[in-house]
């Protein structure tokens, strides 16, 4: 019993350090000028602050935005508007000529969300979130673009198992994941392996190779990225819609709805571009022709990018065009589990997972106060 008690205390102390130590470090990152009033204990609020539940929701969303910023920054460095011309960038442009601009804009958006939410938390006397101690993953080894090789990351874009069931889910007229329904993957092989969405080295980048078609393997990497873009942003679309139902403050509700709306805009953009993925086979990875195979079932039709009306709340009501899913039960933990299954955190430390799951648990416990 004494040994068990010691173990429990050690874990509790470690968890306390992770929450308070790392969060406090985040205060320095965001800016010392906002700390004149001091920070309260985790979850507590200032006299003019927000409820513990609202703070927990915002902290989890801040963590999600930090992770999004990290992954989008990697895409921007290799394929964004300021990246040098390469076969990878050309492969992305096969999905849409404006892909570099869209990638860079999405990156800027996520960075602004991260900074705003953390700053708002601090203005209310609540601790912000800082994930810098977990920046220990190795990223791309591309050397021909300065600053990439050796740069430490929070997310891993080189061993992804991308779930593409969102494609068929948004085309369904009689099913809803909130009612227990499941959906097939539009690209079945993409969820079954561990595929890279960014060039891992100079050869996969193909610097200055801008002719089309590009190398089949490099195009497969670009296709994977295109579907991963939409996977990430459809998750944010549902996450913000679900979290909005948990908050109490009208101002916090305004924040969640306003930022959540941009996630929807991101998803709509990437949903459209994913359908232009070049049909190909690269080893075990097969991208079907979602654009030109006629007749195409509605579940795979590439131009049905607006949500089809479907069942909502109950099958007794008429069908309705909605975001899906939006149920609130365990939504934050579901997001963590989904990103983990995606391979995004491959190689991360146990402390990282514990910290992220603690944030998710607190956000899931939040309830709107009436």
Protein backbone atom coordinates (compact mmCIF):
# COMPACT_ATOMS: atom_id res chain seq x y z
CA UNK A 1 0.00 0.00 0.00
CA UNK A 2 2.85 2.35 0.85
CA UNK A 3 4.42 1.68 -2.57
CA UNK A 4 1.08 2.25 -4.33
CA UNK A 5 0.51 5.51 -2.45
CA UNK A 6 4.00 6.67 -3.41
CA UNK A 7 3.34 5.86 -7.08
CA UNK A 8 0.04 7.75 -7.09
CA UNK A 9 1.66 10.79 -5.47
CA UNK A 10 4.52 10.72 -7.98
CA UNK A 11 2.09 10.66 -10.90
CA UNK A 12 0.05 13.47 -9.38
CA UNK A 13 3.16 15.59 -8.86
CA UNK A 14 4.27 14.93 -12.44
CA UNK A 15 0.85 15.88 -13.79
CA UNK A 16 0.86 19.04 -11.67
CA UNK A 17 4.28 19.95 -13.03
CA UNK A 18 3.19 19.36 -16.61
CA UNK A 19 0.09 21.51 -16.26
CA UNK A 20 1.44 24.33 -14.17
CA UNK A 21 5.09 24.34 -15.23
CA UNK A 22 4.42 24.18 -18.95
CA UNK A 23 1.45 26.52 -18.82
CA UNK A 24 3.47 29.05 -16.85
CA UNK A 25 6.23 28.84 -19.44
CA UNK A 26 3.61 29.71 -22.03
CA UNK A 27 2.98 32.98 -20.24
CA UNK A 28 6.51 34.06 -21.03
CA UNK A 29 6.09 33.00 -24.65
CA UNK A 30 2.92 35.02 -25.18
CA UNK A 31 4.27 38.16 -23.56
CA UNK A 32 5.27 39.39 -20.13
CA UNK A 33 3.39 42.64 -20.62
CA UNK A 34 0.09 40.90 -19.97
CA UNK A 35 1.18 39.40 -16.65
CA UNK A 36 1.03 42.49 -14.48
CA UNK A 37 -2.01 41.14 -12.67
CA UNK A 38 -0.46 37.72 -12.16
CA UNK A 39 -1.81 34.32 -13.15
CA UNK A 40 -4.30 32.39 -11.09
CA UNK A 41 -4.19 28.67 -10.44
CA UNK A 42 -5.17 26.34 -13.26
CA UNK A 43 -8.91 26.61 -13.88
CA UNK A 44 -9.46 29.53 -11.53
CA UNK A 45 -10.64 32.90 -12.81
CA UNK A 46 -10.09 36.53 -11.98
CA UNK A 47 -12.89 38.75 -10.67
CA UNK A 48 -13.58 39.86 -14.24
CA UNK A 49 -12.70 36.50 -15.73
CA UNK A 50 -14.44 33.46 -17.16
CA UNK A 51 -15.71 30.19 -15.73
CA UNK A 52 -13.36 27.26 -15.19
CA UNK A 53 -15.20 25.39 -17.92
CA UNK A 54 -14.74 28.22 -20.42
CA UNK A 55 -11.04 28.39 -19.58
CA UNK A 56 -10.70 24.62 -20.04
CA UNK A 57 -12.41 24.76 -23.43
CA UNK A 58 -10.19 27.60 -24.59
CA UNK A 59 -7.04 25.90 -23.33
CA UNK A 60 -7.81 22.78 -25.32
CA UNK A 61 -8.58 24.84 -28.42
CA UNK A 62 -5.32 26.75 -27.93
CA UNK A 63 -3.42 23.44 -27.82
CA UNK A 64 -5.18 22.28 -30.97
CA UNK A 65 -4.26 25.51 -32.75
CA UNK A 66 -0.61 25.22 -31.67
CA UNK A 67 -0.50 21.73 -33.16
CA UNK A 68 -2.20 22.94 -36.34
CA UNK A 69 0.27 25.80 -36.65
CA UNK A 70 3.15 23.34 -36.36
CA UNK A 71 1.88 21.02 -39.10
CA UNK A 72 0.82 23.81 -41.43
CA UNK A 73 4.19 25.49 -41.01
CA UNK A 74 5.83 22.34 -42.35
CA UNK A 75 3.54 22.35 -45.37
CA UNK A 76 4.25 26.04 -45.93
CA UNK A 77 8.03 25.65 -45.77
CA UNK A 78 7.96 22.97 -48.47
CA UNK A 79 4.98 23.93 -50.61
CA UNK A 80 3.79 27.41 -49.63
CA UNK A 81 3.95 30.63 -51.57
CA UNK A 82 7.52 31.41 -50.46
CA UNK A 83 8.86 27.88 -51.00
CA UNK A 84 11.20 27.51 -53.98
CA UNK A 85 9.74 25.85 -57.10
CA UNK A 86 9.87 22.06 -56.82
CA UNK A 87 8.24 18.90 -58.08
CA UNK A 88 6.36 18.63 -54.76
CA UNK A 89 4.92 22.12 -55.16
CA UNK A 90 3.98 21.33 -58.75
CA UNK A 91 2.30 18.14 -57.53
CA UNK A 92 0.24 20.21 -55.11
CA UNK A 93 -0.68 22.57 -57.94
CA UNK A 94 -2.15 19.63 -59.85
CA UNK A 95 -4.91 19.77 -57.21
CA UNK A 96 -5.27 23.54 -57.73
CA UNK A 97 -2.97 26.16 -59.20
CA UNK A 98 -3.40 28.35 -56.11
CA UNK A 99 -2.42 25.66 -53.58
CA UNK A 100 0.77 27.46 -52.40
CA UNK A 101 -1.26 30.59 -51.55
CA UNK A 102 -3.99 28.59 -49.80
CA UNK A 103 -1.42 26.67 -47.74
CA UNK A 104 0.32 29.86 -46.63
CA UNK A 105 -2.99 31.54 -45.76
CA UNK A 106 -4.16 28.54 -43.73
CA UNK A 107 -0.89 28.66 -41.80
CA UNK A 108 -1.32 32.35 -41.01
CA UNK A 109 -4.88 31.71 -39.80
CA UNK A 110 -3.90 28.94 -37.37
CA UNK A 111 -1.03 31.01 -35.98
CA UNK A 112 -3.40 33.93 -35.36
CA UNK A 113 -5.87 31.61 -33.58
CA UNK A 114 -3.15 30.24 -31.32
CA UNK A 115 -1.87 33.66 -30.29
CA UNK A 116 -5.32 35.18 -29.82
CA UNK A 117 -6.73 32.41 -27.62
CA UNK A 118 -3.66 32.34 -25.38
CA UNK A 119 -3.67 36.13 -25.07
CA UNK A 120 -7.38 36.11 -24.21
CA UNK A 121 -6.86 33.48 -21.52
CA UNK A 122 -4.16 35.59 -19.93
CA UNK A 123 -6.32 38.71 -20.06
CA UNK A 124 -8.86 36.82 -17.92
CA UNK A 125 -6.31 35.63 -15.37
CA UNK A 126 -6.19 32.08 -16.70
CA UNK A 127 -3.08 30.21 -17.73
CA UNK A 128 -2.25 29.93 -21.45
CA UNK A 129 -0.90 26.78 -23.10
CA UNK A 130 2.68 26.20 -24.22
CA UNK A 131 3.77 23.02 -25.98
CA UNK A 132 7.37 24.08 -26.63
CA UNK A 133 8.84 21.51 -24.16
CA UNK A 134 7.42 18.81 -26.44
CA UNK A 135 9.04 20.12 -29.62
CA UNK A 136 11.30 17.11 -30.06
CA UNK A 137 10.24 15.33 -33.26
CA UNK A 138 12.49 15.16 -36.29
CA UNK A 139 10.97 16.61 -39.43
CA UNK A 140 11.93 16.56 -43.08
CA UNK A 141 15.62 16.16 -43.91
CA UNK A 142 15.39 18.43 -46.95
CA UNK A 143 18.66 20.38 -47.07
CA UNK A 144 18.24 22.51 -50.20
CA UNK A 145 15.78 24.80 -48.38
CA UNK A 146 17.61 26.50 -45.49
CA UNK A 147 16.27 26.04 -41.97
CA UNK A 148 14.30 22.81 -42.47
CA UNK A 149 16.79 20.02 -41.79
CA UNK A 150 17.28 19.58 -38.04
CA UNK A 151 14.32 21.78 -37.06
CA UNK A 152 12.33 20.20 -34.23
CA UNK A 153 8.60 19.70 -34.60
CA UNK A 154 5.52 18.91 -32.52
CA UNK A 155 3.86 16.86 -35.25
CA UNK A 156 4.93 14.09 -37.62
CA UNK A 157 3.75 14.36 -41.24
CA UNK A 158 5.82 11.44 -42.53
CA UNK A 159 3.97 8.40 -41.14
CA UNK A 160 0.31 9.25 -41.69
CA UNK A 161 -2.71 6.96 -41.85
CA UNK A 162 -5.23 9.44 -43.22
CA UNK A 163 -8.90 8.71 -42.55
CA UNK A 164 -10.90 9.78 -45.60
CA UNK A 165 -14.32 8.71 -44.30
CA UNK A 166 -15.22 12.42 -43.99
CA UNK A 167 -15.60 12.35 -47.79
CA UNK A 168 -18.46 9.84 -47.79
CA UNK A 169 -19.87 11.16 -44.49
CA UNK A 170 -20.57 14.60 -45.96
CA UNK A 171 -22.26 13.03 -48.99
CA UNK A 172 -24.64 10.85 -47.01
CA UNK A 173 -28.32 11.79 -47.07
CA UNK A 174 -29.52 9.32 -44.44
CA UNK A 175 -26.67 8.80 -41.95
CA UNK A 176 -25.03 10.83 -39.20
CA UNK A 177 -22.06 9.85 -36.99
CA UNK A 178 -23.87 11.42 -34.02
CA UNK A 179 -26.48 8.68 -34.42
CA UNK A 180 -23.89 5.92 -34.48
CA UNK A 181 -23.42 5.58 -38.23
CA UNK A 182 -20.04 4.74 -39.78
CA UNK A 183 -18.71 5.55 -43.24
CA UNK A 184 -16.31 3.97 -45.76
CA UNK A 185 -13.08 5.65 -46.79
CA UNK A 186 -12.92 7.38 -50.16
CA UNK A 187 -9.25 6.34 -50.45
CA UNK A 188 -9.18 2.99 -48.60
CA UNK A 189 -5.43 2.38 -48.86
CA UNK A 190 -4.53 5.77 -47.39
CA UNK A 191 -5.82 4.80 -43.94
CA UNK A 192 -4.12 1.40 -43.96
CA UNK A 193 -0.46 2.39 -44.17
CA UNK A 194 2.02 4.97 -42.95
CA UNK A 195 2.51 7.48 -45.74
CA UNK A 196 4.35 10.78 -45.94
CA UNK A 197 2.58 14.00 -46.88
CA UNK A 198 5.79 16.02 -47.17
CA UNK A 199 9.09 15.33 -48.93
CA UNK A 200 11.38 13.50 -46.50
CA UNK A 201 14.54 14.40 -48.39
CA UNK A 202 15.86 16.38 -51.34
CA UNK A 203 15.00 13.63 -53.83
CA UNK A 204 11.33 13.64 -52.81
CA UNK A 205 11.24 17.44 -53.02
CA UNK A 206 12.58 17.57 -56.57
CA UNK A 207 13.89 21.11 -56.34
CA UNK A 208 13.37 23.16 -59.52
CA UNK A 209 11.62 20.26 -61.25
CA UNK A 210 8.44 22.04 -62.31
CA UNK A 211 7.34 20.17 -65.42
CA UNK A 212 4.16 18.07 -65.45
CA UNK A 213 3.44 15.31 -64.87
CA UNK A 214 5.78 15.00 -61.92
CA UNK A 215 7.35 11.80 -60.66
CA UNK A 216 4.59 9.35 -59.65
CA UNK A 217 5.92 8.98 -56.10
CA UNK A 218 6.14 12.74 -55.54
CA UNK A 219 2.59 13.17 -56.87
CA UNK A 220 1.45 10.52 -54.38
CA UNK A 221 3.00 12.59 -51.58
CA UNK A 222 1.17 15.69 -52.83
CA UNK A 223 -2.11 13.75 -53.09
CA UNK A 224 -1.66 12.52 -49.52
CA UNK A 225 -1.14 16.10 -48.38
CA UNK A 226 -4.31 17.21 -50.17
CA UNK A 227 -6.46 14.69 -48.34
CA UNK A 228 -4.67 15.36 -45.05
CA UNK A 229 -5.42 19.09 -45.34
CA UNK A 230 -9.15 18.33 -45.43
CA UNK A 231 -8.91 15.69 -42.69
CA UNK A 232 -7.36 18.21 -40.30
CA UNK A 233 -9.79 21.02 -41.06
CA UNK A 234 -12.97 18.89 -40.97
CA UNK A 235 -11.87 17.90 -37.47
CA UNK A 236 -11.57 21.55 -36.48
CA UNK A 237 -14.96 22.27 -38.03
CA UNK A 238 -16.67 19.73 -35.78
CA UNK A 239 -14.53 20.51 -32.72
CA UNK A 240 -15.47 24.19 -32.59
CA UNK A 241 -19.15 23.47 -33.25
CA UNK A 242 -19.22 20.97 -30.38
CA UNK A 243 -17.21 23.12 -27.97
CA UNK A 244 -19.49 26.11 -28.55
CA UNK A 245 -22.24 24.16 -26.79
CA UNK A 246 -20.16 23.91 -23.63
CA UNK A 247 -19.25 27.54 -22.94
CA UNK A 248 -21.05 29.99 -20.63
CA UNK A 249 -19.74 33.45 -21.42
CA UNK A 250 -21.27 35.15 -24.46
CA UNK A 251 -17.87 36.61 -25.25
CA UNK A 252 -16.24 33.17 -25.18
CA UNK A 253 -19.10 31.88 -27.34
CA UNK A 254 -18.39 34.68 -29.77
CA UNK A 255 -14.71 33.65 -29.89
CA UNK A 256 -15.48 29.97 -30.47
CA UNK A 257 -18.08 30.65 -33.16
CA UNK A 258 -15.95 33.27 -34.91
CA UNK A 259 -12.81 31.13 -35.05
CA UNK A 260 -14.83 28.00 -35.79
CA UNK A 261 -16.27 29.69 -38.87
CA UNK A 262 -12.82 30.00 -40.40
CA UNK A 263 -12.21 26.28 -39.82
CA UNK A 264 -15.34 25.61 -41.87
CA UNK A 265 -14.01 27.84 -44.65
CA UNK A 266 -10.71 25.95 -44.58
CA UNK A 267 -12.46 22.59 -44.80
CA UNK A 268 -14.66 23.69 -47.71
CA UNK A 269 -11.56 24.78 -49.62
CA UNK A 270 -9.58 21.59 -49.02
CA UNK A 271 -12.63 19.40 -49.61
CA UNK A 272 -12.89 20.86 -53.08
CA UNK A 273 -9.18 20.44 -53.87
CA UNK A 274 -8.90 16.84 -52.62
CA UNK A 275 -11.26 15.69 -55.36
CA UNK A 276 -8.68 16.79 -57.94
CA UNK A 277 -6.06 14.31 -56.69
CA UNK A 278 -4.34 12.62 -59.64
CA UNK A 279 -5.37 8.94 -59.96
CA UNK A 280 -2.28 6.78 -59.47
CA UNK A 281 -0.73 3.78 -57.79
CA UNK A 282 2.46 4.15 -55.77
CA UNK A 283 3.34 0.83 -54.15
CA UNK A 284 0.48 -0.05 -51.82
CA UNK A 285 -1.04 3.43 -52.05
CA UNK A 286 -3.83 3.76 -54.60
CA UNK A 287 -5.66 7.00 -55.39
CA UNK A 288 -8.87 6.26 -57.31
CA UNK A 289 -10.26 8.58 -59.94
CA UNK A 290 -12.85 10.53 -57.94
CA UNK A 291 -13.40 13.04 -60.72
CA UNK A 292 -13.91 11.23 -64.01
CA UNK A 293 -15.17 7.72 -63.28
CA UNK A 294 -18.72 7.90 -64.64
CA UNK A 295 -21.24 6.92 -63.49
CA UNK A 296 -19.93 7.81 -60.03
CA UNK A 297 -22.00 7.01 -56.94
CA UNK A 298 -22.92 10.07 -54.89
CA UNK A 299 -20.75 8.81 -52.03
CA UNK A 300 -17.68 9.35 -54.25
CA UNK A 301 -18.78 12.17 -56.54
CA UNK A 302 -16.04 14.80 -56.45
CA UNK A 303 -18.21 17.89 -57.05
CA UNK A 304 -20.57 17.27 -54.10
CA UNK A 305 -18.52 19.41 -51.76
CA UNK A 306 -21.44 21.07 -49.96
CA UNK A 307 -22.92 19.02 -47.08
CA UNK A 308 -25.78 16.89 -48.31
CA UNK A 309 -28.92 17.21 -46.11
CA UNK A 310 -29.03 14.27 -43.69
CA UNK A 311 -30.68 13.12 -40.47
CA UNK A 312 -30.08 15.42 -37.50
CA UNK A 313 -30.91 15.01 -33.79
CA UNK A 314 -33.53 12.38 -34.59
CA UNK A 315 -34.72 10.49 -37.66
CA UNK A 316 -38.22 11.76 -36.97
CA UNK A 317 -37.23 15.21 -38.28
CA UNK A 318 -36.77 16.18 -41.94
CA UNK A 319 -33.21 15.91 -43.23
CA UNK A 320 -31.06 18.99 -42.76
CA UNK A 321 -27.70 20.15 -44.15
CA UNK A 322 -25.32 20.31 -41.19
CA UNK A 323 -21.78 20.04 -39.92
CA UNK A 324 -21.17 16.49 -38.73
CA UNK A 325 -20.45 15.33 -36.08
CA UNK A 326 -21.41 17.93 -33.46
CA UNK A 327 -22.25 15.79 -30.40
CA UNK A 328 -20.44 17.03 -27.30
CA UNK A 329 -19.74 13.80 -25.38
CA UNK A 330 -15.97 13.20 -25.14
CA UNK A 331 -15.42 15.42 -28.16
CA UNK A 332 -12.00 16.71 -27.04
CA UNK A 333 -10.70 13.24 -26.21
CA UNK A 334 -12.11 12.06 -29.52
CA UNK A 335 -10.06 14.74 -31.28
CA UNK A 336 -6.89 13.63 -29.48
CA UNK A 337 -7.56 9.99 -30.33
CA UNK A 338 -8.30 10.84 -33.95
CA UNK A 339 -5.08 12.80 -34.42
CA UNK A 340 -3.12 10.08 -32.66
CA UNK A 341 -4.59 7.40 -34.94
CA UNK A 342 -3.70 9.64 -37.88
CA UNK A 343 -0.02 9.19 -36.97
CA UNK A 344 0.42 12.91 -36.34
CA UNK A 345 2.09 12.30 -32.97
CA UNK A 346 4.25 9.34 -33.95
CA UNK A 347 7.39 9.49 -31.80
CA UNK A 348 6.03 11.89 -29.16
CA UNK A 349 6.83 11.36 -25.48
CA UNK A 350 4.50 9.87 -22.81
CA UNK A 351 4.51 13.29 -21.10
CA UNK A 352 3.11 14.87 -24.26
CA UNK A 353 0.21 12.43 -24.41
CA UNK A 354 -0.51 12.82 -20.70
CA UNK A 355 -0.53 16.60 -20.93
CA UNK A 356 -2.76 16.63 -24.02
CA UNK A 357 -5.20 14.10 -22.56
CA UNK A 358 -5.43 16.11 -19.33
CA UNK A 359 -6.38 19.19 -21.34
CA UNK A 360 -8.94 17.14 -23.27
CA UNK A 361 -10.43 15.65 -20.10
CA UNK A 362 -10.89 19.09 -18.55
CA UNK A 363 -12.49 20.44 -21.75
CA UNK A 364 -14.85 17.47 -21.90
CA UNK A 365 -15.86 18.07 -18.29
CA UNK A 366 -16.85 21.67 -19.06
CA UNK A 367 -20.56 22.41 -18.88
CA UNK A 368 -22.53 25.50 -19.78
CA UNK A 369 -23.58 27.35 -16.63
CA UNK A 370 -27.09 28.77 -16.69
